[in-house]
Protein backbone atom coordinates (compact mmCIF):
# COMPACT_ATOMS: atom_id res chain seq x y z
CA UNK A 1 18.56 -5.36 -4.05
CA UNK A 2 17.43 -8.00 -1.51
CA UNK A 3 16.25 -11.37 -2.82
CA UNK A 4 12.55 -11.83 -3.41
CA UNK A 5 10.20 -14.81 -3.13
CA UNK A 6 8.97 -16.49 -6.31
CA UNK A 7 6.03 -14.54 -7.82
CA UNK A 8 2.49 -15.72 -7.07
CA UNK A 9 -0.47 -16.11 -9.41
CA UNK A 10 -3.07 -13.31 -9.41
CA UNK A 11 -5.44 -13.25 -6.43
CA UNK A 12 -7.51 -10.40 -5.00
CA UNK A 13 -6.25 -9.00 -1.68
CA UNK A 14 -8.80 -9.23 1.14
CA UNK A 15 -6.96 -7.86 4.17
CA UNK A 16 -3.70 -6.12 5.08
CA UNK A 17 -1.97 -6.43 8.45
CA UNK A 18 1.06 -4.42 9.57
CA UNK A 19 2.05 -5.60 13.05
CA UNK A 20 4.68 -2.89 13.68
CA UNK A 21 2.01 -0.16 13.62
CA UNK A 22 -0.95 -2.25 14.80
CA UNK A 23 -2.90 -2.18 11.53
CA UNK A 24 -5.40 -4.75 10.33
CA UNK A 25 -7.77 -3.60 7.62
CA UNK A 26 -10.05 -4.81 4.86
CA UNK A 27 -9.09 -4.06 1.25
CA UNK A 28 -11.45 -2.78 -1.46
CA UNK A 29 -10.82 -2.48 -5.20
CA UNK A 30 -9.95 0.93 -6.70
CA UNK A 31 -9.42 2.41 -10.14
CA UNK A 32 -8.45 5.80 -11.53
CA UNK A 33 -10.42 9.03 -11.14
CA UNK A 34 -11.53 11.24 -14.05
CA UNK A 35 -8.10 12.95 -14.06
CA UNK A 36 -6.28 9.61 -14.36
CA UNK A 37 -5.08 9.63 -10.75
CA UNK A 38 -5.28 6.69 -8.38
CA UNK A 39 -8.53 6.75 -6.42
CA UNK A 40 -8.61 6.59 -2.63
CA UNK A 41 -11.02 4.59 -0.47
CA UNK A 42 -14.27 6.41 0.45
CA UNK A 43 -13.77 9.11 3.10
CA UNK A 44 -16.78 7.63 4.88
CA UNK A 45 -14.70 4.48 5.56
CA UNK A 46 -11.46 5.74 7.17
CA UNK A 47 -10.36 2.27 8.32
CA UNK A 48 -10.52 0.77 4.80
CA UNK A 49 -7.56 0.37 2.44
CA UNK A 50 -7.74 0.16 -1.34
CA UNK A 51 -5.94 -1.85 -4.01
CA UNK A 52 -5.46 -0.64 -7.59
CA UNK A 53 -7.33 -3.40 -9.46
CA UNK A 54 -5.80 -2.69 -12.89
CA UNK A 55 -2.31 -3.44 -11.57
CA UNK A 56 -0.73 -6.58 -10.14
CA UNK A 57 -2.24 -8.18 -7.07
CA UNK A 58 0.07 -8.33 -4.04
CA UNK A 59 2.54 -11.16 -4.60
CA UNK A 60 2.29 -11.09 -8.39
CA UNK A 61 5.32 -9.96 -10.39
CA UNK A 62 5.30 -6.16 -10.57
CA UNK A 63 4.31 -3.32 -8.28
CA UNK A 64 1.04 -3.76 -6.37
CA UNK A 65 -0.50 -0.61 -4.88
CA UNK A 66 -2.39 -0.29 -1.59
CA UNK A 67 -3.63 3.12 -0.47
CA UNK A 68 -5.32 4.45 2.62
CA UNK A 69 -6.20 7.75 4.25
CA UNK A 70 -3.98 9.39 6.87
CA UNK A 71 -6.98 11.10 8.41
CA UNK A 72 -10.40 12.48 7.53
CA UNK A 73 -12.60 15.25 8.91
CA UNK A 74 -13.83 12.76 11.52
CA UNK A 75 -10.34 11.94 12.87
CA UNK A 76 -7.38 9.59 12.34
CA UNK A 77 -7.57 7.01 9.54
CA UNK A 78 -5.93 3.64 8.83
CA UNK A 79 -2.56 4.89 7.52
CA UNK A 80 -2.03 7.66 10.12
CA UNK A 81 1.27 6.14 11.29
CA UNK A 82 2.51 4.73 7.98
CA UNK A 83 5.63 6.91 8.15
CA UNK A 84 6.64 5.12 11.40
CA UNK A 85 7.45 1.92 9.49
CA UNK A 86 11.12 1.01 9.25
CA UNK A 87 13.30 -1.13 7.01
CA UNK A 88 12.71 -4.80 7.89
CA UNK A 89 9.13 -4.38 9.16
CA UNK A 90 6.60 -6.85 7.74
CA UNK A 91 3.39 -6.26 5.77
CA UNK A 92 1.04 -9.25 5.49
CA UNK A 93 -1.55 -9.34 2.72
CA UNK A 94 -4.27 -12.00 2.97
CA UNK A 95 -5.39 -13.01 -0.51
CA UNK A 96 -8.57 -14.63 -1.87
CA UNK A 97 -6.57 -17.81 -2.64
CA UNK A 98 -6.19 -18.33 1.15
CA UNK A 99 -2.50 -17.46 1.11
CA UNK A 100 -0.82 -14.61 2.95
CA UNK A 101 1.87 -12.76 1.01
CA UNK A 102 4.53 -11.45 3.41
CA UNK A 103 6.40 -8.34 2.32
CA UNK A 104 9.47 -6.80 3.96
CA UNK A 105 9.82 -3.01 4.05
CA UNK A 106 12.84 -1.69 2.14
CA UNK A 107 12.28 2.06 2.59
CA UNK A 108 9.78 4.71 3.66
CA UNK A 109 9.97 8.03 1.80
CA UNK A 110 7.97 11.25 1.73
CA UNK A 111 7.68 13.09 -1.59
CA UNK A 112 6.19 16.52 -2.21
CA UNK A 113 3.37 16.39 -4.74
CA UNK A 114 5.32 18.52 -7.25
CA UNK A 115 8.33 16.15 -7.11
CA UNK A 116 6.54 12.81 -6.87
CA UNK A 117 8.68 10.16 -8.68
CA UNK A 118 6.02 8.27 -10.66
CA UNK A 119 8.55 5.89 -12.26
CA UNK A 120 10.15 4.97 -8.93
CA UNK A 121 6.82 4.45 -7.17
CA UNK A 122 4.72 2.86 -9.93
CA UNK A 123 7.38 1.53 -12.32
CA UNK A 124 8.26 -2.06 -13.16
CA UNK A 125 10.75 -3.68 -10.79
CA UNK A 126 11.16 -7.19 -12.21
CA UNK A 127 9.98 -8.81 -8.98
CA UNK A 128 6.91 -8.84 -6.68
CA UNK A 129 6.80 -5.53 -4.83
CA UNK A 130 4.26 -3.59 -2.81
CA UNK A 131 3.74 0.13 -2.35
CA UNK A 132 1.69 1.55 0.50
CA UNK A 133 0.64 5.15 -0.10
CA UNK A 134 -0.98 7.87 1.99
CA UNK A 135 -0.90 11.64 2.41
CA UNK A 136 1.87 13.44 4.27
CA UNK A 137 3.56 16.80 4.69
CA UNK A 138 1.70 19.94 5.68
CA UNK A 139 -2.07 20.20 5.47
CA UNK A 140 -3.78 23.17 3.85
CA UNK A 141 -7.58 23.49 4.04
CA UNK A 142 -7.82 24.41 0.33
CA UNK A 143 -5.02 22.37 -1.23
CA UNK A 144 -4.97 19.32 1.06
CA UNK A 145 -1.70 17.62 2.01
CA UNK A 146 1.54 18.82 0.39
CA UNK A 147 3.18 15.38 0.09
CA UNK A 148 2.73 11.62 -0.03
CA UNK A 149 4.26 8.96 2.19
CA UNK A 150 5.34 5.87 0.22
CA UNK A 151 6.40 2.54 1.70
CA UNK A 152 8.52 0.35 -0.58
CA UNK A 153 8.43 -3.40 0.18
CA UNK A 154 9.20 -6.67 -1.59
CA UNK A 155 7.74 -10.18 -1.28
CA UNK A 156 9.85 -12.33 1.05
CA UNK A 157 7.65 -15.26 2.05
CA UNK A 158 4.28 -16.93 1.84
CA UNK A 159 1.98 -18.34 4.50
CA UNK A 160 -0.77 -20.80 3.66
CA UNK A 161 -4.09 -20.58 5.45
CA UNK A 162 -4.74 -23.05 8.24
CA UNK A 163 -6.93 -25.96 7.16
């Protein structure tokens, strides 16, 4: 397991930037739906990402979750090309404390919904990690997407905001 940066104190994420796939997006807070599943950002805002507020903030010890749509009825959405990320790519999360947490991608995996590894994706890791999640696989009009794309990344550095 690659070394990780020292954990940060809690701070709300404001923006995520992923240079390798030309993403820069605002982040909104999310919770769980009535079935206990992670919510997604509103379909009316396809360029918005969401952070699970009940979990760690990006940079804190533990697994922080950011989700975004692959597409909507109106066209491509923010995480359309998430599966194009590769090991070593960077994910920058701008936080409310004016710091940018820099994560390095460890892996990108696609899991069918019936074999989704909850423990691997959401479980405790003992260090600051980030998961980016979106839909993947085949699309069915009635059932939606058959899989999820998950990016696994760990905190590797910190940038302070310019004065």
